[in-house]
Protein backbone atom coordinates (compact mmCIF):
# COMPACT_ATOMS: atom_id res chain seq x y z
CA UNK A 1 0.55 -20.09 -24.77
CA UNK A 2 -2.32 -20.40 -27.22
CA UNK A 3 -5.90 -19.29 -26.93
CA UNK A 4 -8.01 -20.74 -24.16
CA UNK A 5 -10.09 -23.65 -25.44
CA UNK A 6 -12.61 -23.38 -22.62
CA UNK A 7 -15.38 -20.81 -22.27
CA UNK A 8 -14.04 -17.50 -20.97
CA UNK A 9 -16.32 -14.65 -19.95
CA UNK A 10 -14.90 -11.22 -19.06
CA UNK A 11 -17.13 -8.54 -17.55
CA UNK A 12 -16.09 -4.95 -16.90
CA UNK A 13 -18.16 -3.33 -14.14
CA UNK A 14 -18.02 0.43 -13.62
CA UNK A 15 -14.91 0.59 -15.78
CA UNK A 16 -14.74 0.85 -19.59
CA UNK A 17 -13.45 -2.30 -21.33
CA UNK A 18 -9.73 -1.99 -21.97
CA UNK A 19 -8.20 -4.05 -24.78
CA UNK A 20 -4.85 -4.32 -22.97
CA UNK A 21 -6.52 -5.64 -19.79
CA UNK A 22 -8.72 -8.05 -21.73
CA UNK A 23 -5.67 -9.36 -23.60
CA UNK A 24 -3.76 -9.91 -20.35
CA UNK A 25 -6.73 -11.74 -18.82
CA UNK A 26 -7.05 -13.95 -21.93
CA UNK A 27 -3.33 -14.82 -21.85
CA UNK A 28 -3.40 -15.70 -18.16
CA UNK A 29 -6.70 -17.60 -18.38
CA UNK A 30 -5.33 -19.67 -21.27
CA UNK A 31 -2.77 -21.09 -18.86
CA UNK A 32 -5.61 -22.65 -16.85
CA UNK A 33 -6.06 -25.19 -19.67
CA UNK A 34 -2.58 -26.48 -18.85
CA UNK A 35 -3.12 -26.37 -15.09
CA UNK A 36 -5.77 -29.07 -15.03
CA UNK A 37 -7.84 -31.06 -17.50
CA UNK A 38 -10.77 -30.60 -15.09
CA UNK A 39 -11.13 -26.86 -15.81
CA UNK A 40 -14.44 -26.34 -17.62
CA UNK A 41 -14.92 -22.55 -17.64
CA UNK A 42 -13.60 -19.22 -16.42
CA UNK A 43 -15.47 -16.03 -15.55
CA UNK A 44 -13.55 -12.84 -14.73
CA UNK A 45 -15.16 -9.65 -13.41
CA UNK A 46 -13.07 -6.47 -13.44
CA UNK A 47 -14.57 -3.95 -11.03
CA UNK A 48 -13.82 -0.32 -10.23
CA UNK A 49 -14.54 0.39 -6.60
CA UNK A 50 -16.03 3.59 -5.33
CA UNK A 51 -16.30 6.95 -6.99
CA UNK A 52 -12.78 8.34 -6.81
CA UNK A 53 -12.70 10.94 -9.58
CA UNK A 54 -9.83 12.99 -8.19
CA UNK A 55 -7.41 10.21 -7.33
CA UNK A 56 -8.51 7.48 -9.73
CA UNK A 57 -10.22 4.18 -9.20
CA UNK A 58 -9.30 1.24 -7.07
CA UNK A 59 -9.72 -2.06 -8.91
CA UNK A 60 -10.71 -5.54 -7.86
CA UNK A 61 -10.88 -8.75 -9.90
CA UNK A 62 -13.13 -11.68 -9.19
CA UNK A 63 -12.27 -14.94 -10.92
CA UNK A 64 -14.48 -18.03 -10.90
CA UNK A 65 -13.03 -21.18 -12.43
CA UNK A 66 -15.38 -24.06 -13.09
CA UNK A 67 -13.91 -27.50 -12.48
CA UNK A 68 -15.41 -30.97 -12.87
CA UNK A 69 -16.53 -31.21 -9.25
CA UNK A 70 -17.29 -27.57 -8.37
CA UNK A 71 -15.90 -24.08 -8.60
CA UNK A 72 -12.78 -22.23 -7.48
CA UNK A 73 -13.26 -18.54 -6.67
CA UNK A 74 -10.54 -15.94 -6.19
CA UNK A 75 -11.01 -12.26 -5.38
CA UNK A 76 -8.12 -9.82 -5.46
CA UNK A 77 -7.41 -7.59 -2.52
CA UNK A 78 -9.51 -4.45 -2.81
CA UNK A 79 -7.98 -1.10 -3.53
CA UNK A 80 -5.29 -1.71 -6.17
CA UNK A 81 -5.03 1.48 -8.22
CA UNK A 82 -3.06 -0.25 -11.01
CA UNK A 83 -5.48 -2.37 -13.02
CA UNK A 84 -2.69 -4.35 -14.71
CA UNK A 85 -1.12 -5.21 -11.36
CA UNK A 86 -4.53 -6.32 -10.09
CA UNK A 87 -4.76 -8.75 -13.03
CA UNK A 88 -1.25 -10.12 -12.46
CA UNK A 89 -1.61 -10.63 -8.73
CA UNK A 90 -5.04 -12.22 -9.01
CA UNK A 91 -3.86 -14.85 -11.50
CA UNK A 92 -0.64 -15.55 -9.60
């Protein structure tokens, strides 16, 4: 799968940007180009929930995909402590 041709915006909120997570998001978002010719944009927000210093963060992803006649929004289930799993399950 090549690079996504459409605009992709990735925001990290309350979590430092991680190259491995950004790369995984870019690979999975690139597949949207093949899903439909109506996809016009993709915005992904990676969020760390709460202040859980002793046991780590829980992560949530919010994905908004622009299409010709509107927008598709997906939010992962809150509380996943594995950020890579949160990315995989949100895009599946």
